[in-house]
Protein backbone atom coordinates (compact mmCIF):
# COMPACT_ATOMS: atom_id res chain seq x y z
CA UNK A 1 -141.12 -5.74 -17.62
CA UNK A 2 -140.05 -9.22 -18.46
CA UNK A 3 -142.68 -11.76 -19.39
CA UNK A 4 -141.68 -15.18 -18.11
CA UNK A 5 -144.59 -16.99 -19.76
CA UNK A 6 -143.21 -16.38 -23.26
CA UNK A 7 -139.66 -17.48 -22.42
CA UNK A 8 -138.91 -20.86 -24.01
CA UNK A 9 -136.11 -21.54 -21.54
CA UNK A 10 -138.60 -21.16 -18.68
CA UNK A 11 -140.83 -23.82 -20.20
CA UNK A 12 -138.07 -26.43 -20.52
CA UNK A 13 -135.80 -25.79 -17.53
CA UNK A 14 -137.18 -27.57 -14.42
CA UNK A 15 -135.22 -25.29 -12.07
CA UNK A 16 -136.70 -22.13 -13.59
CA UNK A 17 -140.16 -23.70 -13.60
CA UNK A 18 -139.82 -24.57 -9.89
CA UNK A 19 -138.54 -21.07 -9.08
CA UNK A 20 -141.50 -19.54 -10.93
CA UNK A 21 -143.98 -21.75 -9.04
CA UNK A 22 -142.34 -20.82 -5.73
CA UNK A 23 -142.50 -17.12 -6.60
CA UNK A 24 -146.15 -17.50 -7.64
CA UNK A 25 -147.12 -19.02 -4.27
CA UNK A 26 -145.16 -16.40 -2.35
CA UNK A 27 -147.03 -13.67 -4.23
CA UNK A 28 -150.39 -15.37 -3.60
CA UNK A 29 -149.54 -15.58 0.12
CA UNK A 30 -148.59 -11.90 0.20
CA UNK A 31 -151.84 -10.92 -1.52
CA UNK A 32 -153.86 -12.86 1.07
CA UNK A 33 -151.89 -11.35 3.98
CA UNK A 34 -152.23 -7.83 2.57
CA UNK A 35 -155.94 -8.42 2.04
CA UNK A 36 -156.34 -9.34 5.70
CA UNK A 37 -154.26 -6.33 6.79
CA UNK A 38 -156.37 -4.05 4.59
CA UNK A 39 -159.59 -5.44 6.06
CA UNK A 40 -158.27 -4.95 9.60
CA UNK A 41 -157.18 -1.39 8.79
CA UNK A 42 -160.58 -0.67 7.27
CA UNK A 43 -162.37 -2.09 10.33
CA UNK A 44 -160.18 0.05 12.58
CA UNK A 45 -160.96 3.13 10.48
CA UNK A 46 -164.71 2.47 10.66
CA UNK A 47 -164.53 1.88 14.42
CA UNK A 48 -162.46 5.04 14.87
CA UNK A 49 -164.92 7.10 12.85
CA UNK A 50 -167.86 5.68 14.82
CA UNK A 51 -166.11 6.39 18.12
CA UNK A 52 -165.15 9.93 17.08
CA UNK A 53 -168.54 10.88 15.65
CA UNK A 54 -170.85 9.38 18.28
CA UNK A 55 -168.86 9.45 21.51
CA UNK A 56 -165.91 11.86 21.55
CA UNK A 57 -166.86 14.47 18.97
CA UNK A 58 -165.24 17.79 19.74
CA UNK A 59 -165.09 20.35 16.97
CA UNK A 60 -161.78 21.67 18.32
CA UNK A 61 -160.09 18.26 18.56
CA UNK A 62 -157.81 18.41 15.53
CA UNK A 63 -155.82 15.43 16.76
CA UNK A 64 -158.81 13.12 16.20
CA UNK A 65 -159.07 14.32 12.61
CA UNK A 66 -155.33 13.76 12.13
CA UNK A 67 -155.65 10.24 13.48
CA UNK A 68 -158.56 9.49 11.14
CA UNK A 69 -156.62 10.83 8.15
CA UNK A 70 -153.70 8.65 9.21
CA UNK A 71 -156.01 5.63 9.23
CA UNK A 72 -157.27 6.50 5.74
CA UNK A 73 -153.69 6.76 4.50
CA UNK A 74 -152.89 3.38 6.07
CA UNK A 75 -155.74 1.80 4.10
CA UNK A 76 -154.57 3.53 0.90
CA UNK A 77 -150.98 2.35 1.41
CA UNK A 78 -152.15 -1.23 2.00
CA UNK A 79 -154.30 -1.07 -1.14
CA UNK A 80 -151.38 0.26 -3.18
CA UNK A 81 -149.10 -2.51 -1.91
CA UNK A 82 -151.74 -5.08 -2.83
CA UNK A 83 -152.25 -3.51 -6.24
CA UNK A 84 -148.50 -3.60 -6.93
CA UNK A 85 -148.28 -7.25 -5.99
CA UNK A 86 -151.37 -8.17 -8.03
CA UNK A 87 -149.93 -6.34 -11.04
CA UNK A 88 -146.74 -8.35 -10.57
CA UNK A 89 -148.77 -11.56 -10.57
CA UNK A 90 -150.94 -10.58 -13.54
CA UNK A 91 -148.04 -9.46 -15.75
CA UNK A 92 -145.77 -12.38 -14.81
CA UNK A 93 -143.01 -9.81 -14.31
CA UNK A 94 -139.81 -10.80 -12.57
CA UNK A 95 -139.56 -7.68 -10.37
CA UNK A 96 -141.83 -5.14 -8.82
CA UNK A 97 -140.98 -1.78 -10.34
CA UNK A 98 -138.77 0.48 -8.21
CA UNK A 99 -140.93 3.49 -9.08
CA UNK A 100 -143.92 1.82 -7.40
CA UNK A 101 -141.91 1.15 -4.26
CA UNK A 102 -140.69 4.76 -4.19
CA UNK A 103 -144.25 6.07 -4.58
CA UNK A 104 -145.49 3.82 -1.77
CA UNK A 105 -142.64 5.10 0.39
CA UNK A 106 -143.67 8.67 -0.42
CA UNK A 107 -147.22 7.86 0.64
CA UNK A 108 -145.91 6.46 3.93
CA UNK A 109 -143.92 9.65 4.58
CA UNK A 110 -147.00 11.77 3.81
CA UNK A 111 -148.99 9.64 6.23
CA UNK A 112 -146.38 10.19 8.93
CA UNK A 113 -146.36 13.94 8.31
CA UNK A 114 -150.16 14.05 8.50
CA UNK A 115 -150.34 12.37 11.91
CA UNK A 116 -147.28 13.93 13.55
CA UNK A 117 -147.93 15.93 16.70
CA UNK A 118 -145.87 19.07 16.22
CA UNK A 119 -146.03 19.93 19.93
CA UNK A 120 -143.94 16.87 20.83
CA UNK A 121 -141.95 16.23 17.63
CA UNK A 122 -138.29 17.17 17.86
CA UNK A 123 -136.61 19.30 15.20
CA UNK A 124 -134.31 16.36 14.43
CA UNK A 125 -137.33 14.13 13.79
CA UNK A 126 -138.83 16.71 11.42
CA UNK A 127 -135.50 17.15 9.64
CA UNK A 128 -135.21 13.38 9.21
CA UNK A 129 -138.71 13.19 7.70
CA UNK A 130 -137.82 16.03 5.37
CA UNK A 131 -134.60 14.29 4.33
CA UNK A 132 -136.49 11.06 3.61
CA UNK A 133 -139.09 12.97 1.57
CA UNK A 134 -136.42 14.79 -0.46
CA UNK A 135 -134.51 11.53 -1.00
CA UNK A 136 -137.58 9.68 -2.25
CA UNK A 137 -138.62 12.59 -4.48
CA UNK A 138 -135.08 12.78 -5.90
CA UNK A 139 -135.01 9.06 -6.60
CA UNK A 140 -138.38 9.31 -8.32
CA UNK A 141 -137.19 12.29 -10.36
CA UNK A 142 -134.03 10.46 -11.45
CA UNK A 143 -136.14 7.49 -12.57
CA UNK A 144 -138.66 9.58 -14.54
CA UNK A 145 -137.23 8.64 -17.95
CA UNK A 146 -136.41 5.01 -17.16
């Protein structure tokens, strides 16, 4: 990771200083937006759990459990996005690491697999999800030493 705060050129060049300030405010805005999204996802998860437990509880309704797990994964993905952006802000790095993006993508694919209804999913859809999973895993494997 590159540390912009120790770069002498950054301190003296007004264009680089302005670009860094712009980037800083974009990151702050993204953190606030992701915080709101995470809170909304958490509220939806709590409401879904309340609804499932107290009103529509059926021990044989596996779809409700899948939906709740999907909601949990949504909250985890939002938290991971926020964590990646906060780490970017804290470390003053110039880029968000590709490995983090690949891992977040893998989490999103896992979430999709967890909530998929196999009775209506087409074989092409399942093959596409598998191809995306293999592609992301391959990219992560290739980047393991970087």
